[in-house]
Amino acid sequence: MNTTTTSGTETFVIAKTDEGFRVCSPLTPAKQYVVTGLPDEPHCTCPEFGSHDGDPEYLCKHILAVLQEMNTPSPPQAEATPAPAGSRSGNQPPTSTARKAPAGKNGNGAVMLLKRSVSPDGRIDSLSVEFSLPIGKSTPEELKSRAGKILALQADIANGFIKTNGNGKNGKTAGNGNNSQDTANAVPGQMLAVASMNGKWGKRLFLNIQVNGHVLKLFGSERQLAGAVTDARYADVGAVIADGMTFNLPCRVVTKPSPDGKYTNIERVLPPPAGTGVRR
């Protein structure tokens, strides 16, 4: 099933998958969320749902959109005053909508999403690895342990993909190269985030890097941008690079003016100066 439905004032594209329903807005197709557990134990991977995890009555807009598409009414709200025991007839459903973890899983139902982009000419061949899992009543220590295992698994998958497919076209990346001339011409910079924009050839990814008070863009595929971040000696971040990712990492860059002289482009990304106190 791949349908479009309107819930409230928003329109969503809904696709039935093995794990549940994948929901996104047609205006931002890259931001996709997974709805599972319908109709009794609804769960969504969106940040809004996660921020209300302690509220058993909360239903985000993605869950409501899927319920509407399924023509299933939203679970009824709990009564303000509990009814006496035995006051309900056998054919009346309970009013409680508390979400319970599936038996035997302890709320660990993680969802992994793999997205690979390949262009016809082979210039783009990128892999995105995303995980989502319910927090439930896990302690901070349990969450840290689970997050560490997931990050390690993401890095392992990404590194395996990079080893299999090389490191950019002809083994080159957007930020590769580091010689004495580069070092002499490098200036301090701060890597801020990964973002995207629609161009003539479709969606284009870029790194936002602040240099001398200005934010410059370094364009490339996910693999190329990962190479640039890795060249700055943040291999753990480069292994899980993805659109929308934010960070604040010091580096150095080599810049050069565009052919028309109107812009300043980033030619190389290098590690920050020694002694800056950042992890390597």
C-alpha atoms as a PDB file:
ATOM      1  CA  MET A   1       0.000   0.000   0.000  1.00  0.00           C
ATOM      2  CA  ASN A   2       1.326   3.418  -0.914  1.00  0.00           C
ATOM      3  CA  THR A   3      -1.304   6.093  -0.375  1.00  0.00           C
ATOM      4  CA  THR A   4      -1.674   9.772   0.392  1.00  0.00           C
ATOM      5  CA  THR A   5      -3.963  10.943   3.153  1.00  0.00           C
ATOM      6  CA  THR A   6      -4.739  14.260   4.841  1.00  0.00           C
ATOM      7  CA  SER A   7      -4.862  14.400   8.623  1.00  0.00           C
ATOM      8  CA  GLY A   8      -5.943  17.734  10.055  1.00  0.00           C
ATOM      9  CA  THR A   9      -4.163  20.336   7.941  1.00  0.00           C
ATOM     10  CA  GLU A  10      -1.245  18.140   6.804  1.00  0.00           C
ATOM     11  CA  THR A  11      -0.896  15.636   3.993  1.00  0.00           C
ATOM     12  CA  PHE A  12       1.141  12.446   4.427  1.00  0.00           C
ATOM     13  CA  VAL A  13       2.402   9.683   2.154  1.00  0.00           C
ATOM     14  CA  ILE A  14       1.874   6.279   3.803  1.00  0.00           C
ATOM     15  CA  ALA A  15       3.579   3.071   2.671  1.00  0.00           C
ATOM     16  CA  LYS A  16       2.898  -0.372   4.162  1.00  0.00           C
ATOM     17  CA  THR A  17       6.147  -2.190   4.978  1.00  0.00           C
ATOM     18  CA  ASP A  18       7.150  -5.380   6.759  1.00  0.00           C
ATOM     19  CA  GLU A  19       7.763  -3.533  10.021  1.00  0.00           C
ATOM     20  CA  GLY A  20       4.584  -1.423   9.902  1.00  0.00           C
ATOM     21  CA  PHE A  21       3.826   1.826   8.076  1.00  0.00           C
ATOM     22  CA  ARG A  22       6.351   4.331   6.764  1.00  0.00           C
ATOM     23  CA  VAL A  23       4.998   7.890   6.911  1.00  0.00           C
ATOM     24  CA  CYS A  24       6.398  11.123   5.476  1.00  0.00           C
ATOM     25  CA  SER A  25       5.259  14.498   4.240  1.00  0.00           C
ATOM     26  CA  PRO A  26       5.408  14.949   0.443  1.00  0.00           C
ATOM     27  CA  LEU A  27       7.190  18.250   1.116  1.00  0.00           C
ATOM     28  CA  THR A  28      10.011  16.553   3.077  1.00  0.00           C
ATOM     29  CA  PRO A  29      10.274  12.987   1.755  1.00  0.00           C
ATOM     30  CA  ALA A  30      13.696  12.486   3.363  1.00  0.00           C
ATOM     31  CA  LYS A  31      12.160  12.680   6.848  1.00  0.00           C
ATOM     32  CA  GLN A  32      10.412   9.327   7.180  1.00  0.00           C
ATOM     33  CA  TYR A  33       9.012   7.781  10.346  1.00  0.00           C
ATOM     34  CA  VAL A  34       7.852   4.241  11.129  1.00  0.00           C
ATOM     35  CA  VAL A  35       4.491   3.619  12.827  1.00  0.00           C
ATOM     36  CA  THR A  36       4.014   0.213  14.470  1.00  0.00           C
ATOM     37  CA  GLY A  37       1.792  -1.517  17.035  1.00  0.00           C
ATOM     38  CA  LEU A  38      -1.563  -0.397  15.647  1.00  0.00           C
ATOM     39  CA  PRO A  39      -4.220  -0.236  16.808  1.00  0.00           C
ATOM     40  CA  ASP A  40      -3.668  -1.315  20.430  1.00  0.00           C
ATOM     41  CA  GLU A  41      -0.050  -0.337  21.160  1.00  0.00           C
ATOM     42  CA  PRO A  42       0.774   2.513  18.766  1.00  0.00           C
ATOM     43  CA  HIS A  43       4.381   3.626  18.453  1.00  0.00           C
ATOM     44  CA  CYS A  44       6.124   6.101  16.127  1.00  0.00           C
ATOM     45  CA  THR A  45       9.814   6.850  15.599  1.00  0.00           C
ATOM     46  CA  CYS A  46       9.251  10.614  15.278  1.00  0.00           C
ATOM     47  CA  PRO A  47      10.760  12.984  17.891  1.00  0.00           C
ATOM     48  CA  GLU A  48       7.315  14.242  18.953  1.00  0.00           C
ATOM     49  CA  PHE A  49       6.208  10.772  19.985  1.00  0.00           C
ATOM     50  CA  GLY A  50       9.494  10.124  21.759  1.00  0.00           C
ATOM     51  CA  SER A  51       9.124  13.318  23.810  1.00  0.00           C
ATOM     52  CA  HIS A  52       5.718  12.092  25.046  1.00  0.00           C
ATOM     53  CA  ASP A  53       6.846   8.549  25.830  1.00  0.00           C
ATOM     54  CA  GLY A  54       5.601   8.876  29.387  1.00  0.00           C
ATOM     55  CA  ASP A  55       2.081   9.789  28.246  1.00  0.00           C
ATOM     56  CA  PRO A  56       0.126   6.631  27.338  1.00  0.00           C
ATOM     57  CA  GLU A  57      -2.650   8.700  25.740  1.00  0.00           C
ATOM     58  CA  TYR A  58      -0.496  10.661  23.292  1.00  0.00           C
ATOM     59  CA  LEU A  59      -0.894   9.976  19.578  1.00  0.00           C
ATOM     60  CA  CYS A  60       1.318  11.893  17.157  1.00  0.00           C
ATOM     61  CA  LYS A  61       0.129  13.148  13.755  1.00  0.00           C
ATOM     62  CA  HIS A  62       1.768  10.218  11.957  1.00  0.00           C
ATOM     63  CA  ILE A  63      -0.125   7.643  14.028  1.00  0.00           C
ATOM     64  CA  LEU A  64      -3.367   9.567  13.522  1.00  0.00           C
ATOM     65  CA  ALA A  65      -2.759   9.682   9.754  1.00  0.00           C
ATOM     66  CA  VAL A  66      -2.261   5.894   9.591  1.00  0.00           C
ATOM     67  CA  LEU A  67      -5.330   5.267  11.761  1.00  0.00           C
ATOM     68  CA  GLN A  68      -7.334   7.481   9.427  1.00  0.00           C
ATOM     69  CA  GLU A  69      -6.017   5.608   6.386  1.00  0.00           C
ATOM     70  CA  MET A  70      -6.901   2.294   8.028  1.00  0.00           C
ATOM     71  CA  ASN A  71     -10.335   3.724   8.793  1.00  0.00           C
ATOM     72  CA  THR A  72      -9.688   2.789  12.415  1.00  0.00           C
ATOM     73  CA  PRO A  73     -10.905   5.158  15.141  1.00  0.00           C
ATOM     74  CA  SER A  74      -8.305   6.522  17.545  1.00  0.00           C
ATOM     75  CA  PRO A  75      -8.107   4.582  20.815  1.00  0.00           C
ATOM     76  CA  PRO A  76     -10.581   6.135  23.299  1.00  0.00           C
ATOM     77  CA  GLN A  77      -9.252   8.392  26.038  1.00  0.00           C
ATOM     78  CA  ALA A  78      -9.125   7.077  29.598  1.00  0.00           C
ATOM     79  CA  GLU A  79     -12.064   7.995  31.839  1.00  0.00           C
ATOM     80  CA  ALA A  80     -11.426  10.842  34.261  1.00  0.00           C
ATOM     81  CA  THR A  81     -12.953   8.785  37.106  1.00  0.00           C
ATOM     82  CA  PRO A  82     -12.246   5.043  37.109  1.00  0.00           C
ATOM     83  CA  ALA A  83     -15.376   2.939  36.840  1.00  0.00           C
ATOM     84  CA  PRO A  84     -16.104   0.428  39.585  1.00  0.00           C
ATOM     85  CA  ALA A  85     -14.869  -3.083  38.978  1.00  0.00           C
ATOM     86  CA  GLY A  86     -17.314  -5.167  37.007  1.00  0.00           C
ATOM     87  CA  SER A  87     -19.305  -2.148  35.778  1.00  0.00           C
ATOM     88  CA  ARG A  88     -18.590  -2.949  32.121  1.00  0.00           C
ATOM     89  CA  SER A  89     -20.392  -5.556  30.126  1.00  0.00           C
ATOM     90  CA  GLY A  90     -18.332  -8.287  28.489  1.00  0.00           C
ATOM     91  CA  ASN A  91     -18.587  -6.756  25.014  1.00  0.00           C
ATOM     92  CA  GLN A  92     -17.371  -3.272  25.962  1.00  0.00           C
ATOM     93  CA  PRO A  93     -13.664  -2.531  25.358  1.00  0.00           C
ATOM     94  CA  PRO A  94     -11.541  -1.086  28.178  1.00  0.00           C
ATOM     95  CA  THR A  95     -10.731   2.632  28.027  1.00  0.00           C
ATOM     96  CA  SER A  96      -7.038   2.249  28.863  1.00  0.00           C
ATOM     97  CA  THR A  97      -4.642   2.946  25.956  1.00  0.00           C
ATOM     98  CA  ALA A  98      -1.408   2.375  27.847  1.00  0.00           C
ATOM     99  CA  ARG A  99       1.335   1.149  25.534  1.00  0.00           C
ATOM    100  CA  LYS A 100       2.992  -2.026  26.746  1.00  0.00           C
ATOM    101  CA  ALA A 101       6.219  -3.568  25.491  1.00  0.00           C
ATOM    102  CA  PRO A 102       5.700  -6.811  23.539  1.00  0.00           C
ATOM    103  CA  ALA A 103       6.055  -9.848  25.781  1.00  0.00           C
ATOM    104  CA  GLY A 104       9.628 -11.092  26.031  1.00  0.00           C
ATOM    105  CA  LYS A 105      11.149  -8.080  24.227  1.00  0.00           C
ATOM    106  CA  ASN A 106      11.413  -5.672  27.184  1.00  0.00           C
ATOM    107  CA  GLY A 107      10.689  -2.764  24.858  1.00  0.00           C
ATOM    108  CA  ASN A 108      13.809  -3.360  22.765  1.00  0.00           C
ATOM    109  CA  GLY A 109      12.021  -3.506  19.398  1.00  0.00           C
ATOM    110  CA  ALA A 110      14.605  -1.648  17.324  1.00  0.00           C
ATOM    111  CA  VAL A 111      13.938  -0.748  13.686  1.00  0.00           C
ATOM    112  CA  MET A 112      16.808  -0.474  11.192  1.00  0.00           C
ATOM    113  CA  LEU A 113      16.397   1.465   7.937  1.00  0.00           C
ATOM    114  CA  LEU A 114      18.978   1.096   5.173  1.00  0.00           C
ATOM    115  CA  LYS A 115      18.835   3.605   2.304  1.00  0.00           C
ATOM    116  CA  ARG A 116      21.184   3.356  -0.644  1.00  0.00           C
ATOM    117  CA  SER A 117      21.423   5.973  -3.399  1.00  0.00           C
ATOM    118  CA  VAL A 118      22.988   4.974  -6.718  1.00  0.00           C
ATOM    119  CA  SER A 119      23.095   7.224  -9.789  1.00  0.00           C
ATOM    120  CA  PRO A 120      23.045   5.771 -13.335  1.00  0.00           C
ATOM    121  CA  ASP A 121      26.550   7.055 -14.041  1.00  0.00           C
ATOM    122  CA  GLY A 122      27.947   5.571 -10.833  1.00  0.00           C
ATOM    123  CA  ARG A 123      29.140   8.914  -9.491  1.00  0.00           C
ATOM    124  CA  ILE A 124      26.866   8.601  -6.465  1.00  0.00           C
ATOM    125  CA  ASP A 125      26.751   5.373  -4.466  1.00  0.00           C
ATOM    126  CA  SER A 126      25.898   6.138  -0.854  1.00  0.00           C
ATOM    127  CA  LEU A 127      24.466   4.241   2.092  1.00  0.00           C
ATOM    128  CA  SER A 128      22.459   5.614   5.016  1.00  0.00           C
ATOM    129  CA  VAL A 129      22.003   3.466   8.139  1.00  0.00           C
ATOM    130  CA  GLU A 130      19.288   4.557  10.575  1.00  0.00           C
ATOM    131  CA  PHE A 131      18.130   2.945  13.807  1.00  0.00           C
ATOM    132  CA  SER A 132      15.166   3.750  16.028  1.00  0.00           C
ATOM    133  CA  LEU A 133      14.041   2.056  19.206  1.00  0.00           C
ATOM    134  CA  PRO A 134      11.561   2.822  22.000  1.00  0.00           C
ATOM    135  CA  ILE A 135      12.982   4.163  25.238  1.00  0.00           C
ATOM    136  CA  GLY A 136      10.305   2.730  27.523  1.00  0.00           C
ATOM    137  CA  LYS A 137      11.338   2.607  31.157  1.00  0.00           C
ATOM    138  CA  SER A 138      15.013   1.989  30.509  1.00  0.00           C
ATOM    139  CA  THR A 139      17.501   3.489  32.943  1.00  0.00           C
ATOM    140  CA  PRO A 140      20.096   6.010  31.692  1.00  0.00           C
ATOM    141  CA  GLU A 141      22.786   3.312  31.967  1.00  0.00           C
ATOM    142  CA  GLU A 142      20.731   0.896  29.855  1.00  0.00           C
ATOM    143  CA  LEU A 143      20.107   3.602  27.249  1.00  0.00           C
ATOM    144  CA  LYS A 144      23.818   4.429  27.048  1.00  0.00           C
ATOM    145  CA  SER A 145      24.684   0.765  26.612  1.00  0.00           C
ATOM    146  CA  ARG A 146      22.094   0.233  23.880  1.00  0.00           C
ATOM    147  CA  ALA A 147      23.074   3.460  22.099  1.00  0.00           C
ATOM    148  CA  GLY A 148      26.745   2.447  22.164  1.00  0.00           C
ATOM    149  CA  LYS A 149      25.968  -0.939  20.629  1.00  0.00           C
ATOM    150  CA  ILE A 150      23.840   0.662  17.900  1.00  0.00           C
ATOM    151  CA  LEU A 151      26.519   3.236  17.031  1.00  0.00           C
ATOM    152  CA  ALA A 152      29.128   0.469  16.851  1.00  0.00           C
ATOM    153  CA  LEU A 153      26.851  -1.544  14.558  1.00  0.00           C
ATOM    154  CA  GLN A 154      26.229   1.516  12.354  1.00  0.00           C
ATOM    155  CA  ALA A 155      29.960   2.138  12.068  1.00  0.00           C
ATOM    156  CA  ASP A 156      30.607  -1.527  11.239  1.00  0.00           C
ATOM    157  CA  ILE A 157      27.977  -1.529   8.486  1.00  0.00           C
ATOM    158  CA  ALA A 158      29.211   1.783   7.044  1.00  0.00           C
ATOM    159  CA  ASN A 159      32.866   0.720   7.113  1.00  0.00           C
ATOM    160  CA  GLY A 160      31.998  -2.542   5.373  1.00  0.00           C
ATOM    161  CA  PHE A 161      30.176  -0.616   2.657  1.00  0.00           C
ATOM    162  CA  ILE A 162      33.108   1.779   2.190  1.00  0.00           C
ATOM    163  CA  LYS A 163      35.619  -1.093   1.964  1.00  0.00           C
ATOM    164  CA  THR A 164      33.462  -2.884  -0.601  1.00  0.00           C
ATOM    165  CA  ASN A 165      32.769   0.174  -2.754  1.00  0.00           C
ATOM    166  CA  GLY A 166      36.033   2.067  -2.429  1.00  0.00           C
ATOM    167  CA  ASN A 167      36.345   5.567  -1.014  1.00  0.00           C
ATOM    168  CA  GLY A 168      34.661   7.723  -3.594  1.00  0.00           C
ATOM    169  CA  LYS A 169      35.034   7.646  -7.383  1.00  0.00           C
ATOM    170  CA  ASN A 170      38.485   6.343  -8.350  1.00  0.00           C
ATOM    171  CA  GLY A 171      39.332   6.095  -4.650  1.00  0.00           C
ATOM    172  CA  LYS A 172      39.068   9.867  -4.059  1.00  0.00           C
ATOM    173  CA  THR A 173      36.910  11.802  -1.640  1.00  0.00           C
ATOM    174  CA  ALA A 174      35.785  15.400  -1.334  1.00  0.00           C
ATOM    175  CA  GLY A 175      38.327  16.124   1.382  1.00  0.00           C
ATOM    176  CA  ASN A 176      41.231  13.861   0.584  1.00  0.00           C
ATOM    177  CA  GLY A 177      44.770  15.122   0.198  1.00  0.00           C
ATOM    178  CA  ASN A 178      47.134  16.580   2.776  1.00  0.00           C
ATOM    179  CA  ASN A 179      50.529  17.953   1.816  1.00  0.00           C
ATOM    180  CA  SER A 180      52.814  20.681   3.097  1.00  0.00           C
ATOM    181  CA  GLN A 181      51.355  23.252   0.701  1.00  0.00           C
ATOM    182  CA  ASP A 182      47.832  22.502   1.979  1.00  0.00           C
ATOM    183  CA  THR A 183      49.012  22.866   5.571  1.00  0.00           C
ATOM    184  CA  ALA A 184      50.661  26.197   4.843  1.00  0.00           C
ATOM    185  CA  ASN A 185      47.501  27.614   3.225  1.00  0.00           C
ATOM    186  CA  ALA A 186      44.985  26.135   5.703  1.00  0.00           C
ATOM    187  CA  VAL A 187      42.856  28.367   7.918  1.00  0.00           C
ATOM    188  CA  PRO A 188      40.852  27.417  11.048  1.00  0.00           C
ATOM    189  CA  GLY A 189      37.280  26.265  10.514  1.00  0.00           C
ATOM    190  CA  GLN A 190      34.364  24.713  12.374  1.00  0.00           C
ATOM    191  CA  MET A 191      32.286  21.892  10.840  1.00  0.00           C
ATOM    192  CA  LEU A 192      28.654  22.588  11.788  1.00  0.00           C
ATOM    193  CA  ALA A 193      26.214  20.249  10.029  1.00  0.00           C
ATOM    194  CA  VAL A 194      25.248  18.127   7.031  1.00  0.00           C
ATOM    195  CA  ALA A 195      22.406  19.610   4.967  1.00  0.00           C
ATOM    196  CA  SER A 196      20.905  19.273   1.489  1.00  0.00           C
ATOM    197  CA  MET A 197      19.318  21.321  -1.272  1.00  0.00           C
ATOM    198  CA  ASN A 198      17.564  20.568  -4.545  1.00  0.00           C
ATOM    199  CA  GLY A 199      19.643  21.427  -7.590  1.00  0.00           C
ATOM    200  CA  LYS A 200      19.567  20.875 -11.332  1.00  0.00           C
ATOM    201  CA  TRP A 201      20.571  17.224 -10.925  1.00  0.00           C
ATOM    202  CA  GLY A 202      18.389  16.531  -7.894  1.00  0.00           C
ATOM    203  CA  LYS A 203      19.187  16.531  -4.205  1.00  0.00           C
ATOM    204  CA  ARG A 204      22.703  17.679  -3.296  1.00  0.00           C
ATOM    205  CA  LEU A 205      24.363  17.156   0.078  1.00  0.00           C
ATOM    206  CA  PHE A 206      26.872  19.548   1.597  1.00  0.00           C
ATOM    207  CA  LEU A 207      28.829  20.259   4.760  1.00  0.00           C
ATOM    208  CA  ASN A 208      28.325  23.639   6.420  1.00  0.00           C
ATOM    209  CA  ILE A 209      31.738  24.856   7.600  1.00  0.00           C
ATOM    210  CA  GLN A 210      32.244  28.186   9.349  1.00  0.00           C
ATOM    211  CA  VAL A 211      35.383  30.005   8.219  1.00  0.00           C
ATOM    212  CA  ASN A 212      36.348  33.550   9.277  1.00  0.00           C
ATOM    213  CA  GLY A 213      32.788  34.297  10.401  1.00  0.00           C
ATOM    214  CA  HIS A 214      31.200  33.016   7.175  1.00  0.00           C
ATOM    215  CA  VAL A 215      29.464  29.683   6.575  1.00  0.00           C
ATOM    216  CA  LEU A 216      30.830  27.954   3.457  1.00  0.00           C
ATOM    217  CA  LYS A 217      29.505  24.820   1.749  1.00  0.00           C
ATOM    218  CA  LEU A 218      31.405  21.712   0.724  1.00  0.00           C
ATOM    219  CA  PHE A 219      29.256  19.685  -1.720  1.00  0.00           C
ATOM    220  CA  GLY A 220      29.533  15.937  -2.253  1.00  0.00           C
ATOM    221  CA  SER A 221      27.871  12.543  -1.844  1.00  0.00           C
ATOM    222  CA  GLU A 222      27.453  10.999   1.609  1.00  0.00           C
ATOM    223  CA  ARG A 223      30.598   8.989   0.996  1.00  0.00           C
ATOM    224  CA  GLN A 224      32.586  12.034  -0.096  1.00  0.00           C
ATOM    225  CA  LEU A 225      31.442  14.115   2.859  1.00  0.00           C
ATOM    226  CA  ALA A 226      32.241  11.185   5.152  1.00  0.00           C
ATOM    227  CA  GLY A 227      35.724  11.208   3.631  1.00  0.00           C
ATOM    228  CA  ALA A 228      36.102  14.914   4.360  1.00  0.00           C
ATOM    229  CA  VAL A 229      35.052  14.445   7.992  1.00  0.00           C
ATOM    230  CA  THR A 230      37.380  11.462   8.305  1.00  0.00           C
ATOM    231  CA  ASP A 231      40.252  13.537   6.851  1.00  0.00           C
ATOM    232  CA  ALA A 232      39.702  15.913   9.778  1.00  0.00           C
ATOM    233  CA  ARG A 233      40.286  12.830  12.004  1.00  0.00           C
ATOM    234  CA  TYR A 234      36.693  12.283  13.080  1.00  0.00           C
ATOM    235  CA  ALA A 235      36.346   8.796  11.618  1.00  0.00           C
ATOM    236  CA  ASP A 236      33.637   7.793  14.115  1.00  0.00           C
ATOM    237  CA  VAL A 237      31.458  10.691  12.926  1.00  0.00           C
ATOM    238  CA  GLY A 238      32.274  10.076   9.266  1.00  0.00           C
ATOM    239  CA  ALA A 239      31.140   6.458   9.588  1.00  0.00           C
ATOM    240  CA  VAL A 240      27.561   7.523  10.373  1.00  0.00           C
ATOM    241  CA  ILE A 241      27.294  10.730   8.316  1.00  0.00           C
ATOM    242  CA  ALA A 242      23.730  11.542   7.167  1.00  0.00           C
ATOM    243  CA  ASP A 243      21.577  14.446   5.993  1.00  0.00           C
ATOM    244  CA  GLY A 244      20.423  16.603   8.911  1.00  0.00           C
ATOM    245  CA  MET A 245      23.279  15.564  11.195  1.00  0.00           C
ATOM    246  CA  THR A 246      24.610  18.416  13.365  1.00  0.00           C
ATOM    247  CA  PHE A 247      27.930  18.714  15.181  1.00  0.00           C
ATOM    248  CA  ASN A 248      30.482  21.344  16.209  1.00  0.00           C
ATOM    249  CA  LEU A 249      33.922  20.054  15.292  1.00  0.00           C
ATOM    250  CA  PRO A 250      37.067  22.169  14.814  1.00  0.00           C
ATOM    251  CA  CYS A 251      39.134  21.630  11.692  1.00  0.00           C
ATOM    252  CA  ARG A 252      41.259  23.479   9.145  1.00  0.00           C
ATOM    253  CA  VAL A 253      40.333  24.119   5.534  1.00  0.00           C
ATOM    254  CA  VAL A 254      42.011  25.167   2.319  1.00  0.00           C
ATOM    255  CA  THR A 255      39.852  27.593   0.340  1.00  0.00           C
ATOM    256  CA  LYS A 256      39.950  29.045  -3.135  1.00  0.00           C
ATOM    257  CA  PRO A 257      37.750  31.554  -5.011  1.00  0.00           C
ATOM    258  CA  SER A 258      35.206  30.339  -7.533  1.00  0.00           C
ATOM    259  CA  PRO A 259      36.059  30.835 -11.239  1.00  0.00           C
ATOM    260  CA  ASP A 260      33.916  33.999 -11.396  1.00  0.00           C
ATOM    261  CA  GLY A 261      35.364  35.327  -8.149  1.00  0.00           C
ATOM    262  CA  LYS A 262      31.948  35.690  -6.511  1.00  0.00           C
ATOM    263  CA  TYR A 263      32.278  32.887  -3.980  1.00  0.00           C
ATOM    264  CA  THR A 264      34.826  31.177  -1.767  1.00  0.00           C
ATOM    265  CA  ASN A 265      34.942  27.409  -2.145  1.00  0.00           C
ATOM    266  CA  ILE A 266      36.436  24.786   0.162  1.00  0.00           C
ATOM    267  CA  GLU A 267      39.108  22.717  -1.558  1.00  0.00           C
ATOM    268  CA  ARG A 268      40.433  20.599   1.325  1.00  0.00           C
ATOM    269  CA  VAL A 269      39.435  19.681   4.895  1.00  0.00           C
ATOM    270  CA  LEU A 270      42.319  19.034   7.298  1.00  0.00           C
ATOM    271  CA  PRO A 271      42.655  18.084  10.985  1.00  0.00           C
ATOM    272  CA  PRO A 272      42.587  20.896  13.563  1.00  0.00           C
ATOM    273  CA  PRO A 273      45.914  22.182  14.920  1.00  0.00           C
ATOM    274  CA  ALA A 274      47.603  19.938  17.443  1.00  0.00           C
ATOM    275  CA  GLY A 275      46.834  20.736  21.060  1.00  0.00           C
ATOM    276  CA  THR A 276      43.232  21.858  20.527  1.00  0.00           C
ATOM    277  CA  GLY A 277      42.029  19.271  23.032  1.00  0.00           C
ATOM    278  CA  VAL A 278      39.576  17.542  20.682  1.00  0.00           C
ATOM    279  CA  ARG A 279      39.224  13.795  20.308  1.00  0.00           C
ATOM    280  CA  ARG A 280      40.931  12.156  17.335  1.00  0.00           C
END
